[in-house]
Amino acid sequence: MMLKKIVVCCLILLGIQQSNAQKKIYESDAFEELSKDHKIIAILPFQTTLNLKSDKKKYTEEQIETFEEKEGIAVQQALESYFLNRKRKKKLKIDFQDIDTTNRLLKKAGISMDNIDIYAPQELCKILKVDAIISGSLTSRLLISKEVDTSFDFITFLKGKSDYGKIIIKLSDKHTGKLLWRYEKTIDRKSGKNTNAIIDKMMRQASRKFPYEEKQ
């Protein structure tokens, strides 16, 4: 009985620690002032780093780079899908630029994932003709755009090795370039089977903290 109680307590503590480590949300104190005239936002492709250690012999560097680009686009698409769904339910106060338009304008300006980090948010907003941009990064050791194994492994959980990546989402203002909102989330096998499921779940968890959400 005592051993059982100790195990339960350990699991509760591990769950609390993992929950605290998995989710971090920041909102600028100046958000209301800086965003009062925001009407349209662009979602950029995400900068992706894949650490496919077990598959390094299977894939070439060129193939991994291609995978990284596809994963970055997959996150962009999943976010657009989530936000448009929220917009249809009249939960958001702003509109979103079509991601095909965003990507076409970026390409026309000679901007790719190889050089996008040298551009300030103000520059990108000007090129895209929007009021703010949503950008971010994905690091992962799995291809999350494909189905991933979501089965629960107790031993892996106890060892603290159930995490396989992290997503950071940032919202930046067009006039100042300042960071208005940031959401950092560790992803593991409980986060979802693919990009759409992971983004949908993590954004639903953060929806009350997303600053453009209509107050109920």
N, C-alpha and C. Protein backbone atom coordinates (compact mmCIF):
# COMPACT_ATOMS: atom_id res chain seq x y z
N MET A 1 0.83 -1.20 0.00
CA MET A 1 0.00 0.00 0.00
C MET A 1 0.87 1.26 0.00
N MET A 2 1.89 1.26 0.87
CA MET A 2 2.79 2.41 0.93
C MET A 2 3.50 2.63 -0.39
N LEU A 3 3.96 1.52 -1.02
CA LEU A 3 4.64 1.62 -2.31
C LEU A 3 3.71 2.20 -3.36
N LYS A 4 2.46 1.78 -3.33
CA LYS A 4 1.47 2.28 -4.30
C LYS A 4 1.28 3.78 -4.15
N LYS A 5 1.22 4.26 -2.88
CA LYS A 5 1.04 5.69 -2.63
C LYS A 5 2.24 6.49 -3.12
N ILE A 6 3.42 5.93 -2.91
CA ILE A 6 4.64 6.61 -3.36
C ILE A 6 4.66 6.73 -4.88
N VAL A 7 4.28 5.66 -5.57
CA VAL A 7 4.24 5.67 -7.03
C VAL A 7 3.24 6.71 -7.54
N VAL A 8 2.05 6.75 -6.90
CA VAL A 8 1.02 7.72 -7.30
C VAL A 8 1.52 9.15 -7.09
N CYS A 9 2.15 9.41 -5.96
CA CYS A 9 2.69 10.75 -5.67
C CYS A 9 3.75 11.15 -6.68
N CYS A 10 4.60 10.18 -7.03
CA CYS A 10 5.66 10.46 -8.02
C CYS A 10 5.06 10.81 -9.37
N LEU A 11 4.01 10.08 -9.75
CA LEU A 11 3.35 10.34 -11.04
C LEU A 11 2.71 11.72 -11.04
N ILE A 12 2.08 12.10 -9.93
CA ILE A 12 1.46 13.42 -9.84
C ILE A 12 2.50 14.52 -9.96
N LEU A 13 3.62 14.36 -9.25
CA LEU A 13 4.70 15.35 -9.31
C LEU A 13 5.29 15.44 -10.71
N LEU A 14 5.49 14.28 -11.34
CA LEU A 14 6.03 14.26 -12.70
C LEU A 14 5.07 14.94 -13.66
N GLY A 15 3.77 14.70 -13.46
CA GLY A 15 2.76 15.31 -14.33
C GLY A 15 2.76 16.82 -14.20
N ILE A 16 2.85 17.30 -12.96
CA ILE A 16 2.89 18.75 -12.72
C ILE A 16 4.14 19.37 -13.33
N GLN A 17 5.28 18.72 -13.11
CA GLN A 17 6.54 19.24 -13.65
C GLN A 17 6.50 19.27 -15.16
N GLN A 18 5.98 18.19 -15.77
CA GLN A 18 5.93 18.14 -17.23
C GLN A 18 4.99 19.19 -17.78
N SER A 19 3.83 19.38 -17.10
CA SER A 19 2.87 20.38 -17.55
C SER A 19 3.46 21.77 -17.50
N ASN A 20 4.17 22.09 -16.42
CA ASN A 20 4.80 23.41 -16.29
C ASN A 20 5.89 23.61 -17.31
N ALA A 21 6.62 22.55 -17.63
CA ALA A 21 7.73 22.66 -18.57
C ALA A 21 7.25 22.72 -20.00
N GLN A 22 6.03 22.19 -20.23
CA GLN A 22 5.55 22.05 -21.60
C GLN A 22 4.96 23.32 -22.18
N LYS A 23 4.46 24.22 -21.35
CA LYS A 23 3.69 25.34 -21.87
C LYS A 23 4.10 26.66 -21.24
N LYS A 24 4.49 27.61 -22.07
CA LYS A 24 4.85 28.93 -21.59
C LYS A 24 4.20 29.97 -22.50
N ILE A 25 3.46 30.91 -21.91
CA ILE A 25 2.78 31.94 -22.69
C ILE A 25 3.21 33.32 -22.20
N TYR A 26 3.55 34.19 -23.16
CA TYR A 26 3.94 35.56 -22.84
C TYR A 26 3.05 36.50 -23.62
N GLU A 27 2.59 37.58 -22.98
CA GLU A 27 1.86 38.64 -23.67
C GLU A 27 2.43 39.98 -23.25
N SER A 28 2.73 40.83 -24.22
CA SER A 28 3.30 42.14 -23.93
C SER A 28 2.30 43.02 -23.19
N ASP A 29 2.81 43.80 -22.25
CA ASP A 29 1.97 44.74 -21.52
C ASP A 29 1.43 45.83 -22.45
N ALA A 30 2.13 46.02 -23.59
CA ALA A 30 1.73 47.06 -24.54
C ALA A 30 0.85 46.50 -25.65
N PHE A 31 0.37 45.28 -25.49
CA PHE A 31 -0.39 44.65 -26.58
C PHE A 31 -1.60 45.48 -27.01
N GLU A 32 -2.44 45.87 -26.09
CA GLU A 32 -3.67 46.60 -26.43
C GLU A 32 -3.36 47.87 -27.23
N GLU A 33 -2.34 48.58 -26.78
CA GLU A 33 -1.99 49.84 -27.45
C GLU A 33 -1.45 49.59 -28.86
N LEU A 34 -0.55 48.63 -28.99
CA LEU A 34 0.10 48.38 -30.27
C LEU A 34 -0.79 47.67 -31.28
N SER A 35 -1.79 46.95 -30.80
CA SER A 35 -2.62 46.14 -31.71
C SER A 35 -3.99 46.74 -32.00
N LYS A 36 -4.26 47.92 -31.48
CA LYS A 36 -5.62 48.48 -31.59
C LYS A 36 -6.07 48.69 -33.04
N ASP A 37 -5.11 48.89 -33.96
CA ASP A 37 -5.47 49.10 -35.37
C ASP A 37 -5.21 47.86 -36.24
N HIS A 38 -4.88 46.76 -35.63
CA HIS A 38 -4.60 45.54 -36.39
C HIS A 38 -5.87 45.00 -37.04
N LYS A 39 -5.77 44.71 -38.32
CA LYS A 39 -6.92 44.15 -39.04
C LYS A 39 -6.59 42.83 -39.73
N ILE A 40 -5.36 42.72 -40.26
CA ILE A 40 -5.00 41.50 -40.97
C ILE A 40 -3.61 41.02 -40.57
N ILE A 41 -3.48 39.72 -40.42
CA ILE A 41 -2.23 39.11 -39.97
C ILE A 41 -1.80 38.04 -40.96
N ALA A 42 -0.49 37.94 -41.16
CA ALA A 42 0.07 36.90 -42.04
C ALA A 42 0.71 35.81 -41.18
N ILE A 43 0.53 34.57 -41.58
CA ILE A 43 1.17 33.43 -40.91
C ILE A 43 2.32 32.97 -41.80
N LEU A 44 3.53 33.01 -41.29
CA LEU A 44 4.70 32.63 -42.07
C LEU A 44 4.97 31.12 -41.96
N PRO A 45 5.68 30.57 -42.95
CA PRO A 45 6.16 29.18 -42.79
C PRO A 45 7.09 29.14 -41.59
N PHE A 46 7.07 28.05 -40.85
CA PHE A 46 7.88 27.94 -39.64
C PHE A 46 9.28 27.44 -39.97
N GLN A 47 10.26 28.01 -39.28
CA GLN A 47 11.63 27.55 -39.42
C GLN A 47 11.78 26.24 -38.65
N THR A 48 12.21 25.21 -39.35
CA THR A 48 12.20 23.87 -38.78
C THR A 48 13.59 23.25 -38.72
N THR A 49 13.86 22.59 -37.60
CA THR A 49 15.09 21.82 -37.44
C THR A 49 14.71 20.39 -37.08
N LEU A 50 15.09 19.45 -37.93
CA LEU A 50 14.79 18.04 -37.68
C LEU A 50 16.06 17.32 -37.23
N ASN A 51 15.95 16.66 -36.10
CA ASN A 51 17.07 15.86 -35.60
C ASN A 51 16.73 14.38 -35.76
N LEU A 52 16.80 13.92 -36.99
CA LEU A 52 16.42 12.54 -37.29
C LEU A 52 17.62 11.62 -37.08
N LYS A 53 18.03 11.46 -35.82
CA LYS A 53 19.24 10.70 -35.51
C LYS A 53 19.18 9.27 -36.01
N SER A 54 18.06 8.61 -35.81
CA SER A 54 17.95 7.20 -36.21
C SER A 54 17.84 7.04 -37.72
N ASP A 55 17.54 8.15 -38.42
CA ASP A 55 17.35 8.06 -39.87
C ASP A 55 18.44 8.75 -40.68
N LYS A 56 19.54 9.16 -40.00
CA LYS A 56 20.58 9.91 -40.71
C LYS A 56 21.19 9.10 -41.86
N LYS A 57 21.30 7.79 -41.67
CA LYS A 57 21.87 6.96 -42.73
C LYS A 57 20.84 6.71 -43.83
N LYS A 58 19.57 6.90 -43.48
CA LYS A 58 18.48 6.64 -44.42
C LYS A 58 18.26 7.81 -45.37
N TYR A 59 18.48 9.04 -44.85
CA TYR A 59 18.22 10.23 -45.64
C TYR A 59 19.49 11.05 -45.85
N THR A 60 19.56 11.72 -47.01
CA THR A 60 20.68 12.61 -47.28
C THR A 60 20.39 13.97 -46.64
N GLU A 61 21.41 14.82 -46.58
CA GLU A 61 21.22 16.17 -46.03
C GLU A 61 20.19 16.95 -46.85
N GLU A 62 20.22 16.74 -48.17
CA GLU A 62 19.28 17.43 -49.06
C GLU A 62 17.85 16.99 -48.77
N GLN A 63 17.66 15.70 -48.52
CA GLN A 63 16.33 15.19 -48.22
C GLN A 63 15.82 15.74 -46.89
N ILE A 64 16.70 15.82 -45.90
CA ILE A 64 16.31 16.36 -44.59
C ILE A 64 15.93 17.83 -44.72
N GLU A 65 16.66 18.58 -45.55
CA GLU A 65 16.32 19.99 -45.77
C GLU A 65 14.94 20.11 -46.41
N THR A 66 14.64 19.21 -47.34
CA THR A 66 13.33 19.21 -47.98
C THR A 66 12.24 18.88 -46.95
N PHE A 67 12.52 17.91 -46.08
CA PHE A 67 11.58 17.56 -45.03
C PHE A 67 11.34 18.75 -44.10
N GLU A 68 12.40 19.47 -43.77
CA GLU A 68 12.28 20.62 -42.87
C GLU A 68 11.38 21.69 -43.48
N GLU A 69 11.55 21.93 -44.78
CA GLU A 69 10.70 22.92 -45.46
C GLU A 69 9.24 22.48 -45.45
N LYS A 70 9.01 21.19 -45.71
CA LYS A 70 7.64 20.67 -45.73
C LYS A 70 7.01 20.72 -44.34
N GLU A 71 7.80 20.42 -43.30
CA GLU A 71 7.27 20.47 -41.95
C GLU A 71 6.90 21.90 -41.57
N GLY A 72 7.74 22.87 -41.99
CA GLY A 72 7.46 24.28 -41.71
C GLY A 72 6.18 24.75 -42.37
N ILE A 73 5.95 24.29 -43.61
CA ILE A 73 4.72 24.62 -44.33
C ILE A 73 3.52 23.94 -43.67
N ALA A 74 3.72 22.71 -43.19
CA ALA A 74 2.63 21.97 -42.54
C ALA A 74 2.15 22.69 -41.29
N VAL A 75 3.08 23.25 -40.51
CA VAL A 75 2.68 24.01 -39.31
C VAL A 75 1.93 25.27 -39.72
N GLN A 76 2.42 25.94 -40.76
CA GLN A 76 1.75 27.14 -41.28
C GLN A 76 0.31 26.81 -41.70
N GLN A 77 0.14 25.72 -42.42
CA GLN A 77 -1.19 25.30 -42.88
C GLN A 77 -2.10 24.94 -41.71
N ALA A 78 -1.53 24.25 -40.73
CA ALA A 78 -2.33 23.84 -39.57
C ALA A 78 -2.80 25.05 -38.76
N LEU A 79 -1.93 26.04 -38.62
CA LEU A 79 -2.31 27.26 -37.90
C LEU A 79 -3.40 28.02 -38.66
N GLU A 80 -3.25 28.11 -39.99
CA GLU A 80 -4.27 28.78 -40.78
C GLU A 80 -5.61 28.08 -40.61
N SER A 81 -5.60 26.76 -40.68
CA SER A 81 -6.83 25.99 -40.53
C SER A 81 -7.48 26.24 -39.17
N TYR A 82 -6.65 26.27 -38.12
CA TYR A 82 -7.17 26.50 -36.77
C TYR A 82 -7.78 27.90 -36.66
N PHE A 83 -7.03 28.90 -37.10
CA PHE A 83 -7.50 30.28 -36.95
C PHE A 83 -8.74 30.56 -37.81
N LEU A 84 -8.81 30.00 -39.02
CA LEU A 84 -9.98 30.22 -39.86
C LEU A 84 -11.22 29.57 -39.23
N ASN A 85 -11.01 28.44 -38.58
CA ASN A 85 -12.12 27.79 -37.88
C ASN A 85 -12.61 28.65 -36.73
N ARG A 86 -11.67 29.24 -35.99
CA ARG A 86 -12.04 30.15 -34.90
C ARG A 86 -12.76 31.38 -35.45
N LYS A 87 -12.28 31.85 -36.60
CA LYS A 87 -12.89 33.03 -37.22
C LYS A 87 -14.33 32.74 -37.66
N ARG A 88 -14.56 31.55 -38.21
CA ARG A 88 -15.91 31.18 -38.63
C ARG A 88 -16.87 31.14 -37.45
N LYS A 89 -16.34 30.82 -36.29
CA LYS A 89 -17.16 30.78 -35.07
C LYS A 89 -17.24 32.14 -34.39
N LYS A 90 -16.71 33.16 -35.10
CA LYS A 90 -16.72 34.54 -34.61
C LYS A 90 -16.00 34.67 -33.27
N LYS A 91 -14.89 33.95 -33.14
CA LYS A 91 -14.12 33.99 -31.91
C LYS A 91 -12.94 34.95 -32.00
N LEU A 92 -12.61 35.43 -33.22
CA LEU A 92 -11.44 36.29 -33.39
C LEU A 92 -11.83 37.64 -33.98
N LYS A 93 -11.09 38.66 -33.60
CA LYS A 93 -11.40 40.03 -34.02
C LYS A 93 -10.62 40.48 -35.25
N ILE A 94 -9.76 39.62 -35.78
CA ILE A 94 -8.92 40.02 -36.92
C ILE A 94 -9.06 38.99 -38.05
N ASP A 95 -8.51 39.36 -39.22
CA ASP A 95 -8.52 38.46 -40.38
C ASP A 95 -7.10 37.99 -40.66
N PHE A 96 -7.00 36.94 -41.50
CA PHE A 96 -5.71 36.36 -41.83
C PHE A 96 -5.49 36.36 -43.33
N GLN A 97 -4.29 36.74 -43.72
CA GLN A 97 -3.93 36.69 -45.13
C GLN A 97 -3.84 35.22 -45.57
N ASP A 98 -4.35 34.93 -46.75
CA ASP A 98 -4.26 33.58 -47.28
C ASP A 98 -2.79 33.16 -47.37
N ILE A 99 -2.46 31.97 -46.88
CA ILE A 99 -1.05 31.59 -46.83
C ILE A 99 -0.44 31.42 -48.22
N ASP A 100 -1.26 31.11 -49.21
CA ASP A 100 -0.73 31.03 -50.58
C ASP A 100 -0.26 32.41 -51.04
N THR A 101 -1.03 33.43 -50.68
CA THR A 101 -0.63 34.81 -51.00
C THR A 101 0.64 35.17 -50.24
N THR A 102 0.69 34.82 -48.96
CA THR A 102 1.87 35.09 -48.14
C THR A 102 3.12 34.47 -48.76
N ASN A 103 3.03 33.19 -49.09
CA ASN A 103 4.20 32.48 -49.63
C ASN A 103 4.60 33.00 -51.01
N ARG A 104 3.61 33.39 -51.80
CA ARG A 104 3.90 33.93 -53.13
C ARG A 104 4.62 35.28 -53.01
N LEU A 105 4.18 36.13 -52.09
CA LEU A 105 4.81 37.43 -51.90
C LEU A 105 6.24 37.28 -51.35
N LEU A 106 6.42 36.32 -50.46
CA LEU A 106 7.76 36.07 -49.93
C LEU A 106 8.69 35.61 -51.04
N LYS A 107 8.22 34.70 -51.87
CA LYS A 107 9.03 34.19 -52.97
C LYS A 107 9.36 35.30 -53.96
N LYS A 108 8.39 36.13 -54.24
CA LYS A 108 8.58 37.25 -55.18
C LYS A 108 9.65 38.21 -54.66
N ALA A 109 9.73 38.36 -53.34
CA ALA A 109 10.71 39.26 -52.73
C ALA A 109 12.06 38.58 -52.51
N GLY A 110 12.16 37.31 -52.94
CA GLY A 110 13.43 36.59 -52.79
C GLY A 110 13.67 36.09 -51.38
N ILE A 111 12.60 35.93 -50.61
CA ILE A 111 12.72 35.49 -49.23
C ILE A 111 12.39 34.00 -49.12
N SER A 112 13.30 33.26 -48.51
CA SER A 112 13.11 31.82 -48.31
C SER A 112 13.44 31.48 -46.86
N MET A 113 13.30 30.22 -46.50
CA MET A 113 13.64 29.80 -45.15
C MET A 113 15.13 29.94 -44.86
N ASP A 114 15.93 30.04 -45.91
CA ASP A 114 17.38 30.19 -45.74
C ASP A 114 17.77 31.60 -45.32
N ASN A 115 16.93 32.59 -45.67
CA ASN A 115 17.32 33.98 -45.36
C ASN A 115 16.26 34.80 -44.64
N ILE A 116 15.12 34.19 -44.32
CA ILE A 116 14.02 34.96 -43.71
C ILE A 116 14.40 35.55 -42.36
N ASP A 117 15.35 34.90 -41.67
CA ASP A 117 15.72 35.37 -40.33
C ASP A 117 16.51 36.68 -40.34
N ILE A 118 16.96 37.12 -41.52
CA ILE A 118 17.69 38.40 -41.58
C ILE A 118 16.74 39.59 -41.74
N TYR A 119 15.46 39.30 -41.95
CA TYR A 119 14.48 40.37 -42.13
C TYR A 119 13.78 40.67 -40.80
N ALA A 120 13.65 41.95 -40.50
CA ALA A 120 12.95 42.38 -39.29
C ALA A 120 11.45 42.23 -39.50
N PRO A 121 10.67 42.07 -38.43
CA PRO A 121 9.22 41.96 -38.57
C PRO A 121 8.60 43.13 -39.34
N GLN A 122 9.14 44.35 -39.12
CA GLN A 122 8.61 45.51 -39.84
C GLN A 122 8.77 45.34 -41.35
N GLU A 123 9.93 44.82 -41.77
CA GLU A 123 10.19 44.62 -43.20
C GLU A 123 9.24 43.58 -43.79
N LEU A 124 9.05 42.49 -43.06
CA LEU A 124 8.18 41.43 -43.55
C LEU A 124 6.73 41.91 -43.63
N CYS A 125 6.30 42.67 -42.64
CA CYS A 125 4.94 43.20 -42.65
C CYS A 125 4.73 44.15 -43.83
N LYS A 126 5.75 44.93 -44.13
CA LYS A 126 5.66 45.86 -45.26
C LYS A 126 5.57 45.10 -46.58
N ILE A 127 6.39 44.07 -46.73
CA ILE A 127 6.37 43.26 -47.95
C ILE A 127 5.03 42.56 -48.12
N LEU A 128 4.48 42.08 -47.01
CA LEU A 128 3.23 41.32 -47.06
C LEU A 128 1.99 42.20 -46.95
N LYS A 129 2.20 43.48 -46.62
CA LYS A 129 1.11 44.44 -46.48
C LYS A 129 0.10 43.99 -45.42
N VAL A 130 0.64 43.65 -44.25
CA VAL A 130 -0.21 43.22 -43.13
C VAL A 130 0.14 44.02 -41.88
N ASP A 131 -0.66 43.85 -40.84
CA ASP A 131 -0.47 44.62 -39.61
C ASP A 131 0.40 43.91 -38.58
N ALA A 132 0.53 42.59 -38.74
CA ALA A 132 1.34 41.81 -37.81
C ALA A 132 1.65 40.47 -38.47
N ILE A 133 2.65 39.79 -37.94
CA ILE A 133 2.99 38.47 -38.48
C ILE A 133 3.05 37.44 -37.35
N ILE A 134 2.63 36.25 -37.71
CA ILE A 134 2.81 35.10 -36.83
C ILE A 134 3.93 34.27 -37.43
N SER A 135 4.97 34.07 -36.66
CA SER A 135 6.12 33.29 -37.12
C SER A 135 6.49 32.31 -36.01
N GLY A 136 7.52 31.53 -36.24
CA GLY A 136 7.93 30.63 -35.18
C GLY A 136 8.89 29.56 -35.63
N SER A 137 9.11 28.62 -34.75
CA SER A 137 10.07 27.56 -35.04
C SER A 137 9.55 26.22 -34.54
N LEU A 138 10.04 25.19 -35.18
CA LEU A 138 9.73 23.81 -34.79
C LEU A 138 11.04 23.04 -34.72
N THR A 139 11.28 22.37 -33.62
CA THR A 139 12.39 21.42 -33.54
C THR A 139 11.77 20.07 -33.21
N SER A 140 12.22 19.05 -33.92
CA SER A 140 11.60 17.74 -33.72
C SER A 140 12.55 16.63 -34.15
N ARG A 141 12.39 15.47 -33.53
CA ARG A 141 13.15 14.30 -33.96
C ARG A 141 12.24 13.29 -34.65
N LEU A 142 11.01 13.77 -34.97
CA LEU A 142 10.07 12.96 -35.73
C LEU A 142 9.44 13.82 -36.82
N LEU A 143 8.96 13.20 -37.88
CA LEU A 143 8.23 13.92 -38.92
C LEU A 143 6.77 14.01 -38.48
N ILE A 144 6.39 15.13 -37.89
CA ILE A 144 5.05 15.23 -37.31
C ILE A 144 3.97 15.46 -38.36
N SER A 145 4.34 15.82 -39.59
CA SER A 145 3.33 15.96 -40.63
C SER A 145 2.78 14.58 -41.02
N LYS A 146 3.51 13.53 -40.65
CA LYS A 146 3.04 12.17 -40.86
C LYS A 146 2.49 11.66 -39.52
N GLU A 147 1.85 10.51 -39.55
CA GLU A 147 1.32 9.94 -38.32
C GLU A 147 2.47 9.50 -37.41
N VAL A 148 2.40 9.88 -36.13
CA VAL A 148 3.41 9.46 -35.16
C VAL A 148 2.75 8.53 -34.15
N ASP A 149 3.56 7.71 -33.54
CA ASP A 149 3.08 6.76 -32.55
C ASP A 149 2.70 7.50 -31.27
N THR A 150 1.44 7.43 -30.88
CA THR A 150 0.99 8.13 -29.68
C THR A 150 0.75 7.18 -28.51
N SER A 151 1.21 5.95 -28.64
CA SER A 151 1.00 4.99 -27.55
C SER A 151 1.80 5.41 -26.32
N PHE A 152 1.24 5.12 -25.16
CA PHE A 152 1.86 5.52 -23.90
C PHE A 152 2.91 4.50 -23.48
N ASP A 153 4.11 4.97 -23.23
CA ASP A 153 5.22 4.12 -22.78
C ASP A 153 5.60 4.56 -21.37
N PHE A 154 5.21 3.78 -20.36
CA PHE A 154 5.40 4.16 -18.95
C PHE A 154 6.87 4.36 -18.60
N ILE A 155 7.72 3.45 -19.09
CA ILE A 155 9.15 3.53 -18.78
C ILE A 155 9.76 4.80 -19.38
N THR A 156 9.41 5.07 -20.64
CA THR A 156 9.90 6.28 -21.30
C THR A 156 9.43 7.53 -20.56
N PHE A 157 8.18 7.50 -20.08
CA PHE A 157 7.63 8.64 -19.34
C PHE A 157 8.41 8.86 -18.05
N LEU A 158 8.68 7.78 -17.31
CA LEU A 158 9.41 7.89 -16.05
C LEU A 158 10.82 8.41 -16.26
N LYS A 159 11.42 8.05 -17.39
CA LYS A 159 12.78 8.49 -17.69
C LYS A 159 12.80 9.92 -18.22
N GLY A 160 11.62 10.48 -18.44
CA GLY A 160 11.54 11.85 -18.93
C GLY A 160 11.96 12.01 -20.37
N LYS A 161 11.79 10.93 -21.16
CA LYS A 161 12.22 10.98 -22.55
C LYS A 161 11.04 10.89 -23.52
N SER A 162 9.84 11.24 -23.02
CA SER A 162 8.67 11.14 -23.88
C SER A 162 8.54 12.35 -24.82
N ASP A 163 9.27 13.43 -24.53
CA ASP A 163 9.25 14.61 -25.39
C ASP A 163 10.06 14.35 -26.66
N TYR A 164 9.56 14.86 -27.78
CA TYR A 164 10.34 14.71 -29.01
C TYR A 164 10.46 16.00 -29.81
N GLY A 165 9.99 17.10 -29.24
CA GLY A 165 10.13 18.35 -29.97
C GLY A 165 9.56 19.54 -29.24
N LYS A 166 9.63 20.69 -29.89
CA LYS A 166 9.11 21.93 -29.30
C LYS A 166 8.66 22.86 -30.42
N ILE A 167 7.54 23.53 -30.18
CA ILE A 167 7.03 24.54 -31.12
C ILE A 167 6.98 25.88 -30.40
N ILE A 168 7.49 26.91 -31.05
CA ILE A 168 7.41 28.28 -30.53
C ILE A 168 6.65 29.12 -31.54
N ILE A 169 5.59 29.78 -31.09
CA ILE A 169 4.77 30.64 -31.94
C ILE A 169 4.92 32.08 -31.46
N LYS A 170 5.22 32.99 -32.40
CA LYS A 170 5.44 34.39 -32.02
C LYS A 170 4.54 35.32 -32.85
N LEU A 171 4.06 36.37 -32.22
CA LEU A 171 3.27 37.41 -32.88
C LEU A 171 4.02 38.72 -32.76
N SER A 172 4.30 39.36 -33.92
CA SER A 172 5.11 40.60 -33.91
C SER A 172 4.37 41.74 -34.60
N ASP A 173 4.56 42.95 -34.10
CA ASP A 173 3.88 44.15 -34.58
C ASP A 173 4.59 44.75 -35.79
N LYS A 174 3.82 45.36 -36.70
CA LYS A 174 4.40 45.91 -37.94
C LYS A 174 5.12 47.24 -37.73
N HIS A 175 4.68 48.04 -36.79
CA HIS A 175 5.29 49.36 -36.62
C HIS A 175 6.57 49.32 -35.81
N THR A 176 6.54 48.59 -34.73
CA THR A 176 7.69 48.56 -33.82
C THR A 176 8.55 47.31 -33.96
N GLY A 177 7.96 46.26 -34.54
CA GLY A 177 8.67 44.98 -34.62
C GLY A 177 8.69 44.24 -33.29
N LYS A 178 8.00 44.82 -32.29
CA LYS A 178 8.04 44.24 -30.96
C LYS A 178 7.27 42.92 -30.89
N LEU A 179 7.75 42.05 -30.02
CA LEU A 179 7.07 40.79 -29.75
C LEU A 179 5.83 41.09 -28.90
N LEU A 180 4.66 40.73 -29.44
CA LEU A 180 3.42 40.99 -28.73
C LEU A 180 2.92 39.79 -27.94
N TRP A 181 3.21 38.60 -28.47
CA TRP A 181 2.70 37.37 -27.85
C TRP A 181 3.63 36.23 -28.24
N ARG A 182 3.84 35.31 -27.32
CA ARG A 182 4.72 34.17 -27.58
C ARG A 182 4.18 32.95 -26.85
N TYR A 183 4.17 31.83 -27.55
CA TYR A 183 3.67 30.59 -26.96
C TYR A 183 4.68 29.49 -27.26
N GLU A 184 5.18 28.89 -26.21
CA GLU A 184 6.17 27.82 -26.34
C GLU A 184 5.58 26.53 -25.79
N LYS A 185 5.64 25.47 -26.57
CA LYS A 185 5.03 24.21 -26.14
C LYS A 185 5.91 23.02 -26.50
N THR A 186 6.22 22.23 -25.50
CA THR A 186 6.92 20.97 -25.73
C THR A 186 5.91 19.97 -26.29
N ILE A 187 6.32 19.19 -27.28
CA ILE A 187 5.41 18.20 -27.84
C ILE A 187 5.91 16.80 -27.52
N ASP A 188 4.96 15.94 -27.20
CA ASP A 188 5.28 14.55 -26.89
C ASP A 188 4.23 13.65 -27.54
N ARG A 189 4.25 12.39 -27.18
CA ARG A 189 3.35 11.44 -27.84
C ARG A 189 1.89 11.61 -27.43
N LYS A 190 1.65 12.43 -26.41
CA LYS A 190 0.27 12.72 -26.01
C LYS A 190 -0.25 13.98 -26.71
N SER A 191 0.61 14.66 -27.45
CA SER A 191 0.22 15.92 -28.07
C SER A 191 -0.67 15.74 -29.30
N GLY A 192 -0.57 14.58 -29.94
CA GLY A 192 -1.37 14.33 -31.14
C GLY A 192 -0.61 13.52 -32.16
N LYS A 193 -1.35 12.98 -33.14
CA LYS A 193 -0.75 12.08 -34.12
C LYS A 193 -0.05 12.81 -35.26
N ASN A 194 -0.47 14.04 -35.56
CA ASN A 194 0.12 14.75 -36.69
C ASN A 194 0.05 16.26 -36.45
N THR A 195 0.53 17.02 -37.43
CA THR A 195 0.63 18.48 -37.28
C THR A 195 -0.71 19.12 -36.94
N ASN A 196 -1.76 18.77 -37.68
CA ASN A 196 -3.07 19.39 -37.45
C ASN A 196 -3.58 19.10 -36.04
N ALA A 197 -3.44 17.86 -35.61
CA ALA A 197 -3.91 17.48 -34.28
C ALA A 197 -3.12 18.19 -33.19
N ILE A 198 -1.80 18.28 -33.38
CA ILE A 198 -0.93 18.92 -32.39
C ILE A 198 -1.24 20.41 -32.28
N ILE A 199 -1.33 21.10 -33.42
CA ILE A 199 -1.62 22.54 -33.43
C ILE A 199 -3.00 22.81 -32.84
N ASP A 200 -3.98 22.00 -33.24
CA ASP A 200 -5.34 22.21 -32.75
C ASP A 200 -5.40 22.07 -31.23
N LYS A 201 -4.75 21.05 -30.70
CA LYS A 201 -4.77 20.81 -29.26
C LYS A 201 -4.03 21.91 -28.50
N MET A 202 -2.83 22.27 -28.97
CA MET A 202 -2.05 23.26 -28.24
C MET A 202 -2.70 24.64 -28.31
N MET A 203 -3.31 25.00 -29.44
CA MET A 203 -3.94 26.30 -29.55
C MET A 203 -5.24 26.36 -28.76
N ARG A 204 -5.96 25.25 -28.67
CA ARG A 204 -7.16 25.22 -27.84
C ARG A 204 -6.79 25.43 -26.38
N GLN A 205 -5.65 24.86 -25.98
CA GLN A 205 -5.18 25.04 -24.61
C GLN A 205 -4.80 26.49 -24.34
N ALA A 206 -4.36 27.19 -25.40
CA ALA A 206 -3.89 28.58 -25.24
C ALA A 206 -4.94 29.59 -25.68
N SER A 207 -6.10 29.14 -26.15
CA SER A 207 -7.06 30.04 -26.78
C SER A 207 -7.49 31.19 -25.88
N ARG A 208 -7.64 30.93 -24.60
CA ARG A 208 -8.04 32.01 -23.69
C ARG A 208 -6.94 33.05 -23.53
N LYS A 209 -5.72 32.65 -23.88
CA LYS A 209 -4.58 33.55 -23.74
C LYS A 209 -4.20 34.20 -25.08
N PHE A 210 -4.85 33.78 -26.18
CA PHE A 210 -4.53 34.41 -27.46
C PHE A 210 -5.19 35.77 -27.48
N PRO A 211 -4.42 36.84 -27.61
CA PRO A 211 -4.93 38.20 -27.35
C PRO A 211 -6.03 38.71 -28.28
N TYR A 212 -6.21 38.11 -29.46
CA TYR A 212 -7.27 38.57 -30.36
C TYR A 212 -8.59 37.85 -30.13
N GLU A 213 -8.61 36.94 -29.17
CA GLU A 213 -9.84 36.20 -28.89
C GLU A 213 -10.92 37.15 -28.36
N GLU A 214 -12.15 36.98 -28.88
CA GLU A 214 -13.27 37.75 -28.35
C GLU A 214 -13.53 37.32 -26.91
N LYS A 215 -13.74 38.27 -26.05
CA LYS A 215 -14.03 37.95 -24.66
C LYS A 215 -15.48 37.49 -24.54
N GLN A 216 -15.67 36.39 -23.83
CA GLN A 216 -17.01 35.83 -23.68
C GLN A 216 -17.75 36.50 -22.52
